[in-house]
C-alpha atoms as a PDB file:
ATOM      1  CA  UNK A   1     -40.280  19.299 101.677  1.00  0.00           C
ATOM      2  CA  UNK A   2     -39.936  21.172  98.440  1.00  0.00           C
ATOM      3  CA  UNK A   3     -42.109  24.155  97.646  1.00  0.00           C
ATOM      4  CA  UNK A   4     -44.994  23.748  95.180  1.00  0.00           C
ATOM      5  CA  UNK A   5     -44.814  26.075  92.192  1.00  0.00           C
ATOM      6  CA  UNK A   6     -47.857  27.919  93.406  1.00  0.00           C
ATOM      7  CA  UNK A   7     -46.516  28.384  96.962  1.00  0.00           C
ATOM      8  CA  UNK A   8     -43.107  29.433  95.569  1.00  0.00           C
ATOM      9  CA  UNK A   9     -44.746  32.163  93.412  1.00  0.00           C
ATOM     10  CA  UNK A  10     -46.959  33.323  96.275  1.00  0.00           C
ATOM     11  CA  UNK A  11     -43.900  33.621  98.507  1.00  0.00           C
ATOM     12  CA  UNK A  12     -41.827  35.573  95.985  1.00  0.00           C
ATOM     13  CA  UNK A  13     -44.775  37.846  95.223  1.00  0.00           C
ATOM     14  CA  UNK A  14     -45.153  38.571  98.883  1.00  0.00           C
ATOM     15  CA  UNK A  15     -41.499  39.325  99.488  1.00  0.00           C
ATOM     16  CA  UNK A  16     -41.348  41.568  96.384  1.00  0.00           C
ATOM     17  CA  UNK A  17     -44.485  43.490  97.508  1.00  0.00           C
ATOM     18  CA  UNK A  18     -42.862  43.955 101.035  1.00  0.00           C
ATOM     19  CA  UNK A  19     -39.656  45.279  99.553  1.00  0.00           C
ATOM     20  CA  UNK A  20     -41.624  47.705  97.285  1.00  0.00           C
ATOM     21  CA  UNK A  21     -43.642  48.922 100.301  1.00  0.00           C
ATOM     22  CA  UNK A  22     -40.445  49.502 102.330  1.00  0.00           C
ATOM     23  CA  UNK A  23     -38.990  51.680  99.405  1.00  0.00           C
ATOM     24  CA  UNK A  24     -42.442  53.487  98.817  1.00  0.00           C
ATOM     25  CA  UNK A  25     -42.693  54.310 102.583  1.00  0.00           C
ATOM     26  CA  UNK A  26     -39.142  55.600 102.667  1.00  0.00           C
ATOM     27  CA  UNK A  27     -37.813  59.004 101.551  1.00  0.00           C
ATOM     28  CA  UNK A  28     -35.253  57.394  99.389  1.00  0.00           C
ATOM     29  CA  UNK A  29     -35.265  58.506  95.708  1.00  0.00           C
ATOM     30  CA  UNK A  30     -35.556  55.199  93.800  1.00  0.00           C
ATOM     31  CA  UNK A  31     -37.416  53.963  90.753  1.00  0.00           C
ATOM     32  CA  UNK A  32     -39.179  50.621  91.088  1.00  0.00           C
ATOM     33  CA  UNK A  33     -40.120  48.345  88.360  1.00  0.00           C
ATOM     34  CA  UNK A  34     -41.791  45.017  88.685  1.00  0.00           C
ATOM     35  CA  UNK A  35     -42.056  43.178  85.372  1.00  0.00           C
ATOM     36  CA  UNK A  36     -42.352  39.404  84.622  1.00  0.00           C
ATOM     37  CA  UNK A  37     -41.569  38.494  88.199  1.00  0.00           C
ATOM     38  CA  UNK A  38     -38.365  40.626  88.340  1.00  0.00           C
ATOM     39  CA  UNK A  39     -38.251  43.535  90.843  1.00  0.00           C
ATOM     40  CA  UNK A  40     -35.692  46.187  89.878  1.00  0.00           C
ATOM     41  CA  UNK A  41     -34.766  48.993  92.223  1.00  0.00           C
ATOM     42  CA  UNK A  42     -32.826  51.862  90.655  1.00  0.00           C
ATOM     43  CA  UNK A  43     -30.953  54.122  93.008  1.00  0.00           C
ATOM     44  CA  UNK A  44     -30.304  57.883  92.377  1.00  0.00           C
ATOM     45  CA  UNK A  45     -26.663  57.134  91.737  1.00  0.00           C
ATOM     46  CA  UNK A  46     -27.536  54.729  88.977  1.00  0.00           C
ATOM     47  CA  UNK A  47     -26.821  51.451  90.911  1.00  0.00           C
ATOM     48  CA  UNK A  48     -29.509  48.765  90.916  1.00  0.00           C
ATOM     49  CA  UNK A  49     -30.811  45.968  93.020  1.00  0.00           C
ATOM     50  CA  UNK A  50     -32.548  43.168  91.202  1.00  0.00           C
ATOM     51  CA  UNK A  51     -34.827  40.491  92.847  1.00  0.00           C
ATOM     52  CA  UNK A  52     -35.670  37.706  90.499  1.00  0.00           C
ATOM     53  CA  UNK A  53     -37.283  34.266  90.837  1.00  0.00           C
ATOM     54  CA  UNK A  54     -35.597  31.082  89.736  1.00  0.00           C
ATOM     55  CA  UNK A  55     -38.568  28.846  89.397  1.00  0.00           C
ATOM     56  CA  UNK A  56     -36.894  25.479  88.400  1.00  0.00           C
ATOM     57  CA  UNK A  57     -34.706  25.578  91.532  1.00  0.00           C
ATOM     58  CA  UNK A  58     -37.220  27.474  93.808  1.00  0.00           C
ATOM     59  CA  UNK A  59     -34.696  30.165  94.554  1.00  0.00           C
ATOM     60  CA  UNK A  60     -34.914  33.920  94.924  1.00  0.00           C
ATOM     61  CA  UNK A  61     -31.859  35.682  93.402  1.00  0.00           C
ATOM     62  CA  UNK A  62     -30.580  39.050  94.455  1.00  0.00           C
ATOM     63  CA  UNK A  63     -28.154  41.075  92.201  1.00  0.00           C
ATOM     64  CA  UNK A  64     -26.487  44.025  93.693  1.00  0.00           C
ATOM     65  CA  UNK A  65     -23.233  45.991  93.207  1.00  0.00           C
ATOM     66  CA  UNK A  66     -21.595  43.753  95.638  1.00  0.00           C
ATOM     67  CA  UNK A  67     -22.488  40.560  93.740  1.00  0.00           C
ATOM     68  CA  UNK A  68     -25.114  37.966  93.141  1.00  0.00           C
ATOM     69  CA  UNK A  69     -26.766  36.073  95.994  1.00  0.00           C
ATOM     70  CA  UNK A  70     -29.085  33.024  95.948  1.00  0.00           C
ATOM     71  CA  UNK A  71     -31.787  32.516  98.596  1.00  0.00           C
ATOM     72  CA  UNK A  72     -33.679  29.413  99.666  1.00  0.00           C
ATOM     73  CA  UNK A  73     -36.909  29.646 101.505  1.00  0.00           C
ATOM     74  CA  UNK A  74     -36.754  28.162 105.086  1.00  0.00           C
ATOM     75  CA  UNK A  75     -40.213  27.131 106.061  1.00  0.00           C
ATOM     76  CA  UNK A  76     -39.331  26.520 109.688  1.00  0.00           C
ATOM     77  CA  UNK A  77     -38.303  30.138 110.249  1.00  0.00           C
ATOM     78  CA  UNK A  78     -40.417  31.590 107.438  1.00  0.00           C
ATOM     79  CA  UNK A  79     -37.495  33.500 105.973  1.00  0.00           C
ATOM     80  CA  UNK A  80     -35.394  33.553 102.827  1.00  0.00           C
ATOM     81  CA  UNK A  81     -31.714  32.578 103.648  1.00  0.00           C
ATOM     82  CA  UNK A  82     -28.656  33.034 101.557  1.00  0.00           C
ATOM     83  CA  UNK A  83     -27.329  29.657 100.465  1.00  0.00           C
ATOM     84  CA  UNK A  84     -23.740  30.652 100.995  1.00  0.00           C
ATOM     85  CA  UNK A  85     -23.785  32.720 104.053  1.00  0.00           C
ATOM     86  CA  UNK A  86     -27.067  31.925 105.810  1.00  0.00           C
ATOM     87  CA  UNK A  87     -27.712  35.650 105.980  1.00  0.00           C
ATOM     88  CA  UNK A  88     -31.427  36.577 105.932  1.00  0.00           C
ATOM     89  CA  UNK A  89     -32.710  38.392 102.992  1.00  0.00           C
ATOM     90  CA  UNK A  90     -34.086  41.314 105.071  1.00  0.00           C
ATOM     91  CA  UNK A  91     -30.524  41.812 106.708  1.00  0.00           C
ATOM     92  CA  UNK A  92     -28.859  41.733 103.392  1.00  0.00           C
ATOM     93  CA  UNK A  93     -31.356  44.202 101.857  1.00  0.00           C
ATOM     94  CA  UNK A  94     -30.757  46.621 104.767  1.00  0.00           C
ATOM     95  CA  UNK A  95     -27.016  46.339 104.193  1.00  0.00           C
ATOM     96  CA  UNK A  96     -27.071  46.680 100.446  1.00  0.00           C
ATOM     97  CA  UNK A  97     -29.524  49.707 100.549  1.00  0.00           C
ATOM     98  CA  UNK A  98     -27.246  51.449 102.878  1.00  0.00           C
ATOM     99  CA  UNK A  99     -24.277  50.622 100.539  1.00  0.00           C
ATOM    100  CA  UNK A 100     -25.938  51.719  97.282  1.00  0.00           C
ATOM    101  CA  UNK A 101     -28.550  54.166  98.357  1.00  0.00           C
ATOM    102  CA  UNK A 102     -26.872  55.787 101.362  1.00  0.00           C
ATOM    103  CA  UNK A 103     -29.803  55.108 103.785  1.00  0.00           C
ATOM    104  CA  UNK A 104     -30.530  52.250 106.155  1.00  0.00           C
ATOM    105  CA  UNK A 105     -34.057  50.922 105.734  1.00  0.00           C
ATOM    106  CA  UNK A 106     -35.707  48.327 107.834  1.00  0.00           C
ATOM    107  CA  UNK A 107     -36.453  45.068 105.884  1.00  0.00           C
ATOM    108  CA  UNK A 108     -36.981  43.055 109.132  1.00  0.00           C
ATOM    109  CA  UNK A 109     -40.377  41.577 107.815  1.00  0.00           C
ATOM    110  CA  UNK A 110     -38.959  40.552 104.484  1.00  0.00           C
END
């Protein structure tokens, strides 16, 4: 079953808010900007992490220093899964934040 447009936006809004909350609650020095459905995280070293919604194909895209990743929502497990590696979004965010920000943050609820 494909996601309705409204459900897709609700899910992306929720995941972006959870990601913002994790960064806000951490001691990591980052700049957060959420504009037009795109969440940009700027690390102290100048690298960025960008979460954007791809509405026509109902995907969440993640751009990081290590590359670009596309996520599909899996309703059965209520998680976003990478379409190429099946890695969960939260696991990838933890790994990328460690790589780019030098700190391992917990994104298990993302």
